[in-house]
Amino acid sequence: MMEQRTDPQVSPYRIFHRPDWAALRADHPMTLSPEEVATLRSMHDRLDMKEVEDIYLPLSRLLAMYLAAAQRLFRAQQSFLGTEDSKVPYIIGVAGSVAVGKSTSSRVLQALLRRWPNTPKVDIVTTDGFLLPNAVLAREGLMEKKGFPESYDLPELLRFLSGIKAGLRPMRAPIYSHIVYDVVPNEWIEIDRPDILIVEGLNVLQTGRPPKDGKAVPFVSDFFDFSVYIDATEDVLERWYVERFLALRMTAFRDAMSYFHRYSRLSDEEAVTTAKGIWNRINLVNLRENILPTRQRADLILTKNEHHSIDEVALRRL
């Protein structure tokens, strides 16, 4: 009997270098102006029109095609069952490290997808709102683990996504304030059956031990129709985190209400040392233990270089 071996070079992904991926735009017109793109960029990102045209416009075309296929399948199921159920949102997960640019990528995708005729309503929810309140984290000794999987109210996040996929309307998502560094009590955003819901967060592709009774939906990613992981090397991520910390020291941290107001009085040298300490003690550990191991679970991996530009796109084969 011939022995069968797995070729280590065989990958579940198709790898595209930037020019090849950009060609998949297929002459689709750019639907965002330079002014609109500028409003979507976070303070430390280097997003420009070329990046949107080369990377995000082809991705929005692919996602619009995927959604159209899902809508056809939904109509086929309706016909088979003889039901008149309302369609449920197509959910896209966006994962990656602190400071990698998840929020900017999510906003760009939202803006582009809103311009496609079959997806006029696109909402974003960040998992920050599902963090446990600081009082709970402090009581449980988890303040240094904020952003780790155990710091989230996972049952509430799963309940929210279950309601979204069940077509319930509206669903409420808690609001998180980056100024006070905590969940805002008794405030929510309402998600009312969008065509697409983008769920952005550090650990949205995280897995864990499934329930023994086999009844509950165990993972956030089980609700995703498509997922994106934004990748960069550790040294680059550290530099971006420090740069963001220094920028916030001169802006948001100066707000007297800011949880980090004490950092606004640091010298440049002290701020760099503090930022690197936080990165190594918390964010790097979370990246290595929880975030990076989920990269290969994504449907699409966007790999950034040190200039915030995406050099490579990996698309999971169907």
C-alpha atoms as a PDB file:
ATOM      1  CA  MET A   1       0.000   0.000   0.000  1.00  0.00           C
ATOM      2  CA  MET A   2       1.352   3.408  -0.981  1.00  0.00           C
ATOM      3  CA  GLU A   3       1.940   5.710   1.973  1.00  0.00           C
ATOM      4  CA  GLN A   4       0.063   9.018   1.739  1.00  0.00           C
ATOM      5  CA  ARG A   5       1.831  12.136   2.952  1.00  0.00           C
ATOM      6  CA  THR A   6       0.664  15.686   3.422  1.00  0.00           C
ATOM      7  CA  ASP A   7       2.692  18.238   1.490  1.00  0.00           C
ATOM      8  CA  PRO A   8       3.788  20.865   4.054  1.00  0.00           C
ATOM      9  CA  GLN A   9       3.621  23.492   1.314  1.00  0.00           C
ATOM     10  CA  VAL A  10      -0.101  22.933   0.775  1.00  0.00           C
ATOM     11  CA  SER A  11      -2.015  25.783   2.385  1.00  0.00           C
ATOM     12  CA  PRO A  12      -5.736  26.338   2.925  1.00  0.00           C
ATOM     13  CA  TYR A  13      -5.120  29.894   1.695  1.00  0.00           C
ATOM     14  CA  ARG A  14      -4.517  31.485  -1.680  1.00  0.00           C
ATOM     15  CA  ILE A  15      -1.752  34.050  -1.236  1.00  0.00           C
ATOM     16  CA  PHE A  16      -1.897  37.332  -3.146  1.00  0.00           C
ATOM     17  CA  HIS A  17       0.798  39.964  -3.306  1.00  0.00           C
ATOM     18  CA  ARG A  18      -0.511  43.497  -3.394  1.00  0.00           C
ATOM     19  CA  PRO A  19      -0.528  44.065  -7.208  1.00  0.00           C
ATOM     20  CA  ASP A  20      -2.328  40.762  -7.844  1.00  0.00           C
ATOM     21  CA  TRP A  21      -4.963  41.470  -5.208  1.00  0.00           C
ATOM     22  CA  ALA A  22      -5.430  45.049  -6.437  1.00  0.00           C
ATOM     23  CA  ALA A  23      -6.188  43.711  -9.932  1.00  0.00           C
ATOM     24  CA  LEU A  24      -9.254  41.944  -8.500  1.00  0.00           C
ATOM     25  CA  ARG A  25     -10.892  45.336  -8.192  1.00  0.00           C
ATOM     26  CA  ALA A  26     -11.859  44.615 -11.827  1.00  0.00           C
ATOM     27  CA  ASP A  27     -12.312  48.300 -12.746  1.00  0.00           C
ATOM     28  CA  HIS A  28     -14.974  48.776 -10.086  1.00  0.00           C
ATOM     29  CA  PRO A  29     -15.202  52.543  -9.538  1.00  0.00           C
ATOM     30  CA  MET A  30     -13.880  54.113  -6.354  1.00  0.00           C
ATOM     31  CA  THR A  31     -16.903  55.213  -4.335  1.00  0.00           C
ATOM     32  CA  LEU A  32     -15.175  57.171  -1.564  1.00  0.00           C
ATOM     33  CA  SER A  33     -13.624  60.620  -1.842  1.00  0.00           C
ATOM     34  CA  PRO A  34     -10.227  61.543  -0.324  1.00  0.00           C
ATOM     35  CA  GLU A  35     -12.082  63.619   2.259  1.00  0.00           C
ATOM     36  CA  GLU A  36     -14.223  60.641   3.274  1.00  0.00           C
ATOM     37  CA  VAL A  37     -11.166  58.393   3.543  1.00  0.00           C
ATOM     38  CA  ALA A  38      -9.451  60.951   5.787  1.00  0.00           C
ATOM     39  CA  THR A  39     -12.356  60.839   8.248  1.00  0.00           C
ATOM     40  CA  LEU A  40     -12.090  57.038   8.525  1.00  0.00           C
ATOM     41  CA  ARG A  41      -8.442  56.983   9.567  1.00  0.00           C
ATOM     42  CA  SER A  42      -7.387  56.525  13.195  1.00  0.00           C
ATOM     43  CA  MET A  43      -4.740  58.924  14.490  1.00  0.00           C
ATOM     44  CA  HIS A  44      -1.738  56.604  14.065  1.00  0.00           C
ATOM     45  CA  ASP A  45      -2.749  54.881  10.824  1.00  0.00           C
ATOM     46  CA  ARG A  46      -1.310  55.819   7.430  1.00  0.00           C
ATOM     47  CA  LEU A  47      -4.406  55.020   5.410  1.00  0.00           C
ATOM     48  CA  ASP A  48      -4.565  56.703   2.003  1.00  0.00           C
ATOM     49  CA  MET A  49      -6.606  56.426  -1.193  1.00  0.00           C
ATOM     50  CA  LYS A  50      -4.124  54.001  -2.756  1.00  0.00           C
ATOM     51  CA  GLU A  51      -4.532  51.589   0.166  1.00  0.00           C
ATOM     52  CA  VAL A  52      -8.306  51.753  -0.079  1.00  0.00           C
ATOM     53  CA  GLU A  53      -8.249  51.227  -3.853  1.00  0.00           C
ATOM     54  CA  ASP A  54      -5.709  48.384  -3.820  1.00  0.00           C
ATOM     55  CA  ILE A  55      -6.871  46.440  -0.762  1.00  0.00           C
ATOM     56  CA  TYR A  56     -10.293  47.381   0.561  1.00  0.00           C
ATOM     57  CA  LEU A  57     -12.132  48.014  -2.697  1.00  0.00           C
ATOM     58  CA  PRO A  58     -11.418  44.469  -4.025  1.00  0.00           C
ATOM     59  CA  LEU A  59     -12.329  43.087  -0.584  1.00  0.00           C
ATOM     60  CA  SER A  60     -15.640  44.945  -0.607  1.00  0.00           C
ATOM     61  CA  ARG A  61     -16.334  43.519  -4.077  1.00  0.00           C
ATOM     62  CA  LEU A  62     -15.658  39.995  -2.810  1.00  0.00           C
ATOM     63  CA  LEU A  63     -17.844  40.499   0.257  1.00  0.00           C
ATOM     64  CA  ALA A  64     -20.682  41.925  -1.847  1.00  0.00           C
ATOM     65  CA  MET A  65     -20.500  38.784  -4.005  1.00  0.00           C
ATOM     66  CA  TYR A  66     -20.459  36.519  -0.941  1.00  0.00           C
ATOM     67  CA  LEU A  67     -23.459  38.313   0.514  1.00  0.00           C
ATOM     68  CA  ALA A  68     -25.378  38.076  -2.762  1.00  0.00           C
ATOM     69  CA  ALA A  69     -24.717  34.326  -2.781  1.00  0.00           C
ATOM     70  CA  ALA A  70     -25.902  34.064   0.844  1.00  0.00           C
ATOM     71  CA  GLN A  71     -29.058  35.982  -0.044  1.00  0.00           C
ATOM     72  CA  ARG A  72     -29.768  33.581  -2.938  1.00  0.00           C
ATOM     73  CA  LEU A  73     -29.268  30.618  -0.615  1.00  0.00           C
ATOM     74  CA  PHE A  74     -31.641  32.192   1.912  1.00  0.00           C
ATOM     75  CA  ARG A  75     -34.322  32.617  -0.753  1.00  0.00           C
ATOM     76  CA  ALA A  76     -33.816  29.009  -1.837  1.00  0.00           C
ATOM     77  CA  GLN A  77     -34.312  27.847   1.745  1.00  0.00           C
ATOM     78  CA  GLN A  78     -37.437  30.010   2.043  1.00  0.00           C
ATOM     79  CA  SER A  79     -38.819  28.358  -1.080  1.00  0.00           C
ATOM     80  CA  PHE A  80     -37.981  24.880   0.211  1.00  0.00           C
ATOM     81  CA  LEU A  81     -39.563  25.467   3.631  1.00  0.00           C
ATOM     82  CA  GLY A  82     -42.444  27.554   2.356  1.00  0.00           C
ATOM     83  CA  THR A  83     -41.681  30.261   4.932  1.00  0.00           C
ATOM     84  CA  GLU A  84     -41.541  34.046   4.818  1.00  0.00           C
ATOM     85  CA  ASP A  85     -38.778  34.579   7.368  1.00  0.00           C
ATOM     86  CA  SER A  86     -36.946  37.891   7.188  1.00  0.00           C
ATOM     87  CA  LYS A  87     -33.311  37.705   6.143  1.00  0.00           C
ATOM     88  CA  VAL A  88     -30.744  37.935   8.927  1.00  0.00           C
ATOM     89  CA  PRO A  89     -27.598  40.088   8.928  1.00  0.00           C
ATOM     90  CA  TYR A  90     -24.406  38.874   7.303  1.00  0.00           C
ATOM     91  CA  ILE A  91     -21.818  39.063  10.112  1.00  0.00           C
ATOM     92  CA  ILE A  92     -18.155  39.873   9.474  1.00  0.00           C
ATOM     93  CA  GLY A  93     -15.595  39.479  12.279  1.00  0.00           C
ATOM     94  CA  VAL A  94     -12.445  41.630  12.363  1.00  0.00           C
ATOM     95  CA  ALA A  95      -9.647  40.451  14.687  1.00  0.00           C
ATOM     96  CA  GLY A  96      -6.046  41.370  15.456  1.00  0.00           C
ATOM     97  CA  SER A  97      -3.708  42.880  18.022  1.00  0.00           C
ATOM     98  CA  VAL A  98      -3.983  46.147  19.877  1.00  0.00           C
ATOM     99  CA  ALA A  99      -2.736  49.010  17.620  1.00  0.00           C
ATOM    100  CA  VAL A 100      -2.922  46.989  14.386  1.00  0.00           C
ATOM    101  CA  GLY A 101      -5.709  49.127  12.903  1.00  0.00           C
ATOM    102  CA  LYS A 102      -8.859  47.041  13.351  1.00  0.00           C
ATOM    103  CA  SER A 103     -11.091  50.070  13.849  1.00  0.00           C
ATOM    104  CA  THR A 104      -9.848  51.827  10.722  1.00  0.00           C
ATOM    105  CA  SER A 105     -10.255  48.682   8.618  1.00  0.00           C
ATOM    106  CA  SER A 106     -13.768  48.163   9.968  1.00  0.00           C
ATOM    107  CA  ARG A 107     -14.797  51.735   9.185  1.00  0.00           C
ATOM    108  CA  VAL A 108     -13.371  51.551   5.665  1.00  0.00           C
ATOM    109  CA  LEU A 109     -15.218  48.312   4.969  1.00  0.00           C
ATOM    110  CA  GLN A 110     -18.415  49.787   6.374  1.00  0.00           C
ATOM    111  CA  ALA A 111     -18.149  52.866   4.146  1.00  0.00           C
ATOM    112  CA  LEU A 112     -17.404  50.849   1.002  1.00  0.00           C
ATOM    113  CA  LEU A 113     -20.022  48.170   1.604  1.00  0.00           C
ATOM    114  CA  ARG A 114     -22.695  50.815   2.143  1.00  0.00           C
ATOM    115  CA  ARG A 115     -22.166  51.877  -1.475  1.00  0.00           C
ATOM    116  CA  TRP A 116     -23.005  48.447  -2.891  1.00  0.00           C
ATOM    117  CA  PRO A 117     -26.675  48.201  -3.969  1.00  0.00           C
ATOM    118  CA  ASN A 118     -27.470  45.039  -1.984  1.00  0.00           C
ATOM    119  CA  THR A 119     -25.940  46.234   1.336  1.00  0.00           C
ATOM    120  CA  PRO A 120     -27.151  49.770   2.096  1.00  0.00           C
ATOM    121  CA  LYS A 121     -27.240  49.254   5.872  1.00  0.00           C
ATOM    122  CA  VAL A 122     -23.939  48.286   7.522  1.00  0.00           C
ATOM    123  CA  ASP A 123     -23.359  48.604  11.282  1.00  0.00           C
ATOM    124  CA  ILE A 124     -20.285  48.114  13.490  1.00  0.00           C
ATOM    125  CA  VAL A 125     -20.124  46.734  17.022  1.00  0.00           C
ATOM    126  CA  THR A 126     -16.893  46.499  18.994  1.00  0.00           C
ATOM    127  CA  THR A 127     -16.486  43.874  21.686  1.00  0.00           C
ATOM    128  CA  ASP A 128     -15.085  46.546  24.050  1.00  0.00           C
ATOM    129  CA  GLY A 129     -18.661  47.170  25.149  1.00  0.00           C
ATOM    130  CA  PHE A 130     -18.875  43.572  26.350  1.00  0.00           C
ATOM    131  CA  LEU A 131     -15.903  43.893  28.683  1.00  0.00           C
ATOM    132  CA  LEU A 132     -16.797  43.317  32.307  1.00  0.00           C
ATOM    133  CA  PRO A 133     -17.084  46.611  34.244  1.00  0.00           C
ATOM    134  CA  ASN A 134     -13.913  47.778  35.984  1.00  0.00           C
ATOM    135  CA  ALA A 135     -15.498  47.151  39.386  1.00  0.00           C
ATOM    136  CA  VAL A 136     -15.958  43.486  38.490  1.00  0.00           C
ATOM    137  CA  LEU A 137     -12.494  43.190  36.945  1.00  0.00           C
ATOM    138  CA  ALA A 138     -10.927  44.751  40.050  1.00  0.00           C
ATOM    139  CA  ARG A 139     -12.869  42.444  42.362  1.00  0.00           C
ATOM    140  CA  GLU A 140     -11.784  39.405  40.354  1.00  0.00           C
ATOM    141  CA  GLY A 141      -8.164  40.578  40.058  1.00  0.00           C
ATOM    142  CA  LEU A 142      -8.427  40.944  36.278  1.00  0.00           C
ATOM    143  CA  MET A 143      -7.565  44.603  35.646  1.00  0.00           C
ATOM    144  CA  GLU A 144      -4.149  43.544  34.320  1.00  0.00           C
ATOM    145  CA  LYS A 145      -5.964  41.042  32.101  1.00  0.00           C
ATOM    146  CA  LYS A 146      -8.274  43.566  30.451  1.00  0.00           C
ATOM    147  CA  GLY A 147      -8.689  42.518  26.820  1.00  0.00           C
ATOM    148  CA  PHE A 148      -7.879  38.873  27.612  1.00  0.00           C
ATOM    149  CA  PRO A 149     -10.713  36.381  26.927  1.00  0.00           C
ATOM    150  CA  GLU A 150     -11.595  36.081  30.624  1.00  0.00           C
ATOM    151  CA  SER A 151     -12.253  39.838  30.898  1.00  0.00           C
ATOM    152  CA  TYR A 152     -15.356  39.742  28.674  1.00  0.00           C
ATOM    153  CA  ASP A 153     -18.977  39.051  29.543  1.00  0.00           C
ATOM    154  CA  LEU A 154     -19.042  36.201  27.057  1.00  0.00           C
ATOM    155  CA  PRO A 155     -22.599  35.004  27.831  1.00  0.00           C
ATOM    156  CA  GLU A 156     -23.920  38.503  27.120  1.00  0.00           C
ATOM    157  CA  LEU A 157     -21.934  38.761  23.866  1.00  0.00           C
ATOM    158  CA  LEU A 158     -23.215  35.363  22.740  1.00  0.00           C
ATOM    159  CA  ARG A 159     -26.765  36.366  23.679  1.00  0.00           C
ATOM    160  CA  PHE A 160     -26.430  39.528  21.605  1.00  0.00           C
ATOM    161  CA  LEU A 161     -25.141  37.659  18.549  1.00  0.00           C
ATOM    162  CA  SER A 162     -27.797  34.962  18.957  1.00  0.00           C
ATOM    163  CA  GLY A 163     -30.451  37.664  18.843  1.00  0.00           C
ATOM    164  CA  ILE A 164     -28.885  39.228  15.758  1.00  0.00           C
ATOM    165  CA  LYS A 165     -28.844  35.891  13.915  1.00  0.00           C
ATOM    166  CA  ALA A 166     -32.399  35.148  15.071  1.00  0.00           C
ATOM    167  CA  GLY A 167     -33.545  38.365  13.415  1.00  0.00           C
ATOM    168  CA  LEU A 168     -34.666  39.988  16.671  1.00  0.00           C
ATOM    169  CA  ARG A 169     -35.030  43.756  16.495  1.00  0.00           C
ATOM    170  CA  PRO A 170     -33.655  45.887  17.811  1.00  0.00           C
ATOM    171  CA  MET A 171     -30.736  44.369  19.709  1.00  0.00           C
ATOM    172  CA  ARG A 172     -28.768  46.439  22.204  1.00  0.00           C
ATOM    173  CA  ALA A 173     -24.972  46.489  22.531  1.00  0.00           C
ATOM    174  CA  PRO A 174     -23.278  48.149  25.523  1.00  0.00           C
ATOM    175  CA  ILE A 175     -21.151  51.261  24.992  1.00  0.00           C
ATOM    176  CA  TYR A 176     -17.521  51.472  26.104  1.00  0.00           C
ATOM    177  CA  SER A 177     -15.763  54.762  26.868  1.00  0.00           C
ATOM    178  CA  HIS A 178     -12.056  54.943  26.093  1.00  0.00           C
ATOM    179  CA  ILE A 179     -11.925  58.150  28.121  1.00  0.00           C
ATOM    180  CA  VAL A 180     -13.046  56.616  31.425  1.00  0.00           C
ATOM    181  CA  TYR A 181     -11.723  53.176  30.349  1.00  0.00           C
ATOM    182  CA  ASP A 182     -14.940  51.446  31.328  1.00  0.00           C
ATOM    183  CA  VAL A 183     -18.358  50.309  30.153  1.00  0.00           C
ATOM    184  CA  VAL A 184     -20.866  53.179  30.331  1.00  0.00           C
ATOM    185  CA  PRO A 185     -23.747  52.194  32.656  1.00  0.00           C
ATOM    186  CA  ASN A 186     -27.250  52.154  31.176  1.00  0.00           C
ATOM    187  CA  GLU A 187     -26.185  53.280  27.694  1.00  0.00           C
ATOM    188  CA  TRP A 188     -26.441  51.203  24.530  1.00  0.00           C
ATOM    189  CA  ILE A 189     -26.404  51.371  20.783  1.00  0.00           C
ATOM    190  CA  GLU A 190     -29.308  49.735  18.995  1.00  0.00           C
ATOM    191  CA  ILE A 191     -28.689  47.368  16.093  1.00  0.00           C
ATOM    192  CA  ASP A 192     -31.848  47.033  14.042  1.00  0.00           C
ATOM    193  CA  ARG A 193     -31.446  44.245  11.514  1.00  0.00           C
ATOM    194  CA  PRO A 194     -28.672  45.635   9.262  1.00  0.00           C
ATOM    195  CA  ASP A 195     -27.708  43.984   5.981  1.00  0.00           C
ATOM    196  CA  ILE A 196     -24.182  43.541   7.369  1.00  0.00           C
ATOM    197  CA  LEU A 197     -22.892  43.682  10.934  1.00  0.00           C
ATOM    198  CA  ILE A 198     -19.135  44.082  11.459  1.00  0.00           C
ATOM    199  CA  VAL A 199     -17.970  42.763  14.846  1.00  0.00           C
ATOM    200  CA  GLU A 200     -14.519  44.073  15.744  1.00  0.00           C
ATOM    201  CA  GLY A 201     -12.383  42.908  18.643  1.00  0.00           C
ATOM    202  CA  LEU A 202      -9.129  41.427  19.885  1.00  0.00           C
ATOM    203  CA  ASN A 203     -10.378  37.923  20.584  1.00  0.00           C
ATOM    204  CA  VAL A 204     -13.388  37.447  18.309  1.00  0.00           C
ATOM    205  CA  LEU A 205     -11.788  34.349  16.747  1.00  0.00           C
ATOM    206  CA  GLN A 206     -10.962  32.830  20.139  1.00  0.00           C
ATOM    207  CA  THR A 207     -12.047  29.274  20.864  1.00  0.00           C
ATOM    208  CA  GLY A 208     -12.336  27.452  24.148  1.00  0.00           C
ATOM    209  CA  ARG A 209     -13.658  24.289  25.696  1.00  0.00           C
ATOM    210  CA  PRO A 210     -17.081  23.513  24.155  1.00  0.00           C
ATOM    211  CA  PRO A 211     -20.062  22.914  26.475  1.00  0.00           C
ATOM    212  CA  LYS A 212     -20.418  19.293  27.541  1.00  0.00           C
ATOM    213  CA  ASP A 213     -24.145  19.173  26.812  1.00  0.00           C
ATOM    214  CA  GLY A 214     -23.570  20.218  23.193  1.00  0.00           C
ATOM    215  CA  LYS A 215     -26.468  22.685  23.333  1.00  0.00           C
ATOM    216  CA  ALA A 216     -25.027  26.183  23.683  1.00  0.00           C
ATOM    217  CA  VAL A 217     -23.252  28.002  20.856  1.00  0.00           C
ATOM    218  CA  PRO A 218     -19.752  28.100  22.369  1.00  0.00           C
ATOM    219  CA  PHE A 219     -17.765  30.588  20.266  1.00  0.00           C
ATOM    220  CA  VAL A 220     -18.316  34.140  19.026  1.00  0.00           C
ATOM    221  CA  SER A 221     -16.904  33.144  15.632  1.00  0.00           C
ATOM    222  CA  ASP A 222     -19.672  30.545  15.189  1.00  0.00           C
ATOM    223  CA  PHE A 223     -21.918  33.481  14.274  1.00  0.00           C
ATOM    224  CA  PHE A 224     -19.567  34.857  11.615  1.00  0.00           C
ATOM    225  CA  ASP A 225     -20.218  34.464   7.914  1.00  0.00           C
ATOM    226  CA  PHE A 226     -16.757  35.846   7.118  1.00  0.00           C
ATOM    227  CA  SER A 227     -13.759  36.793   9.235  1.00  0.00           C
ATOM    228  CA  VAL A 228     -10.682  38.986   8.780  1.00  0.00           C
ATOM    229  CA  TYR A 229      -7.431  38.912  10.755  1.00  0.00           C
ATOM    230  CA  ILE A 230      -5.135  41.940  10.502  1.00  0.00           C
ATOM    231  CA  ASP A 231      -1.531  40.919  11.018  1.00  0.00           C
ATOM    232  CA  ALA A 232       1.841  42.582  11.670  1.00  0.00           C
ATOM    233  CA  THR A 233       5.091  41.568  13.328  1.00  0.00           C
ATOM    234  CA  GLU A 234       5.558  41.995  17.078  1.00  0.00           C
ATOM    235  CA  ASP A 235       8.242  44.683  16.799  1.00  0.00           C
ATOM    236  CA  VAL A 236       6.103  46.740  14.439  1.00  0.00           C
ATOM    237  CA  LEU A 237       3.053  46.401  16.683  1.00  0.00           C
ATOM    238  CA  GLU A 238       5.066  47.538  19.697  1.00  0.00           C
ATOM    239  CA  ARG A 239       6.280  50.626  17.822  1.00  0.00           C
ATOM    240  CA  TRP A 240       2.740  51.492  16.739  1.00  0.00           C
ATOM    241  CA  TYR A 241       1.468  51.047  20.284  1.00  0.00           C
ATOM    242  CA  VAL A 242       4.150  53.376  21.658  1.00  0.00           C
ATOM    243  CA  GLU A 243       3.437  55.961  18.941  1.00  0.00           C
ATOM    244  CA  ARG A 244      -0.273  55.833  19.750  1.00  0.00           C
ATOM    245  CA  PHE A 245       0.418  56.165  23.472  1.00  0.00           C
ATOM    246  CA  LEU A 246       2.560  59.260  22.843  1.00  0.00           C
ATOM    247  CA  ALA A 247      -0.127  60.779  20.632  1.00  0.00           C
ATOM    248  CA  LEU A 248      -2.838  60.116  23.232  1.00  0.00           C
ATOM    249  CA  ARG A 249      -0.629  61.628  25.937  1.00  0.00           C
ATOM    250  CA  MET A 250      -0.875  64.935  24.053  1.00  0.00           C
ATOM    251  CA  THR A 251      -4.607  64.618  23.299  1.00  0.00           C
ATOM    252  CA  ALA A 252      -7.149  62.358  25.046  1.00  0.00           C
ATOM    253  CA  PHE A 253      -5.025  61.785  28.164  1.00  0.00           C
ATOM    254  CA  ARG A 254      -5.135  65.547  28.872  1.00  0.00           C
ATOM    255  CA  ASP A 255      -8.856  65.293  29.558  1.00  0.00           C
ATOM    256  CA  ALA A 256      -9.268  65.479  33.327  1.00  0.00           C
ATOM    257  CA  MET A 257     -11.926  62.749  33.059  1.00  0.00           C
ATOM    258  CA  SER A 258      -9.506  60.354  31.355  1.00  0.00           C
ATOM    259  CA  TYR A 259      -8.578  57.204  33.253  1.00  0.00           C
ATOM    260  CA  PHE A 260      -5.043  57.784  31.924  1.00  0.00           C
ATOM    261  CA  HIS A 261      -4.863  61.497  32.779  1.00  0.00           C
ATOM    262  CA  ARG A 262      -1.828  60.845  35.021  1.00  0.00           C
ATOM    263  CA  TYR A 263       0.175  59.854  31.939  1.00  0.00           C
ATOM    264  CA  SER A 264      -0.294  63.283  30.342  1.00  0.00           C
ATOM    265  CA  ARG A 265       2.315  64.691  32.723  1.00  0.00           C
ATOM    266  CA  LEU A 266       5.054  62.226  31.742  1.00  0.00           C
ATOM    267  CA  SER A 267       8.146  63.344  29.876  1.00  0.00           C
ATOM    268  CA  ASP A 268       8.843  61.850  26.456  1.00  0.00           C
ATOM    269  CA  GLU A 269      11.338  59.384  27.928  1.00  0.00           C
ATOM    270  CA  GLU A 270       9.010  58.413  30.782  1.00  0.00           C
ATOM    271  CA  ALA A 271       6.078  57.975  28.375  1.00  0.00           C
ATOM    272  CA  VAL A 272       8.066  55.668  26.096  1.00  0.00           C
ATOM    273  CA  THR A 273       9.211  53.579  29.064  1.00  0.00           C
ATOM    274  CA  THR A 274       5.647  53.387  30.428  1.00  0.00           C
ATOM    275  CA  ALA A 275       4.162  52.442  27.054  1.00  0.00           C
ATOM    276  CA  LYS A 276       6.733  49.715  26.472  1.00  0.00           C
ATOM    277  CA  GLY A 277       6.101  48.380  29.970  1.00  0.00           C
ATOM    278  CA  ILE A 278       2.348  48.150  29.354  1.00  0.00           C
ATOM    279  CA  TRP A 279       2.947  46.558  25.970  1.00  0.00           C
ATOM    280  CA  ASN A 280       5.287  43.866  27.292  1.00  0.00           C
ATOM    281  CA  ARG A 281       3.343  43.160  30.467  1.00  0.00           C
ATOM    282  CA  ILE A 282      -0.164  43.017  28.986  1.00  0.00           C
ATOM    283  CA  ASN A 283      -0.620  43.422  25.243  1.00  0.00           C
ATOM    284  CA  LEU A 284       2.273  41.256  24.065  1.00  0.00           C
ATOM    285  CA  VAL A 285       1.216  38.454  26.411  1.00  0.00           C
ATOM    286  CA  ASN A 286      -2.371  38.648  25.156  1.00  0.00           C
ATOM    287  CA  LEU A 287      -1.135  38.654  21.556  1.00  0.00           C
ATOM    288  CA  ARG A 288       1.041  35.575  22.004  1.00  0.00           C
ATOM    289  CA  GLU A 289      -1.327  33.565  24.198  1.00  0.00           C
ATOM    290  CA  ASN A 290      -4.748  34.433  22.788  1.00  0.00           C
ATOM    291  CA  ILE A 291      -4.848  36.559  19.633  1.00  0.00           C
ATOM    292  CA  LEU A 292      -2.108  35.289  17.311  1.00  0.00           C
ATOM    293  CA  PRO A 293      -3.076  31.600  17.743  1.00  0.00           C
ATOM    294  CA  THR A 294      -6.458  32.425  16.151  1.00  0.00           C
ATOM    295  CA  ARG A 295      -4.964  33.906  12.958  1.00  0.00           C
ATOM    296  CA  GLN A 296      -5.335  30.729  10.915  1.00  0.00           C
ATOM    297  CA  ARG A 297      -9.040  30.546  11.767  1.00  0.00           C
ATOM    298  CA  ALA A 298      -9.740  33.664   9.685  1.00  0.00           C
ATOM    299  CA  ASP A 299     -11.174  33.570   6.172  1.00  0.00           C
ATOM    300  CA  LEU A 300      -8.874  36.419   5.161  1.00  0.00           C
ATOM    301  CA  ILE A 301      -5.509  37.560   6.554  1.00  0.00           C
ATOM    302  CA  LEU A 302      -4.262  41.076   5.786  1.00  0.00           C
ATOM    303  CA  THR A 303      -0.518  41.395   6.469  1.00  0.00           C
ATOM    304  CA  LYS A 304       0.797  44.903   7.123  1.00  0.00           C
ATOM    305  CA  ASN A 305       4.348  46.198   6.782  1.00  0.00           C
ATOM    306  CA  GLU A 306       5.997  48.746   9.070  1.00  0.00           C
ATOM    307  CA  HIS A 307       4.429  51.619   7.106  1.00  0.00           C
ATOM    308  CA  HIS A 308       0.847  50.419   7.801  1.00  0.00           C
ATOM    309  CA  SER A 309       0.478  49.292   4.182  1.00  0.00           C
ATOM    310  CA  ILE A 310      -0.841  45.827   3.395  1.00  0.00           C
ATOM    311  CA  ASP A 311       1.671  43.815   1.384  1.00  0.00           C
ATOM    312  CA  GLU A 312      -0.037  40.430   1.297  1.00  0.00           C
ATOM    313  CA  VAL A 313      -3.566  39.060   1.336  1.00  0.00           C
ATOM    314  CA  ALA A 314      -4.340  35.436   2.186  1.00  0.00           C
ATOM    315  CA  LEU A 315      -7.821  34.237   1.226  1.00  0.00           C
ATOM    316  CA  ARG A 316      -9.070  30.898   2.509  1.00  0.00           C
ATOM    317  CA  ARG A 317      -9.973  28.467  -0.237  1.00  0.00           C
ATOM    318  CA  LEU A 318     -13.611  27.410  -0.474  1.00  0.00           C
END
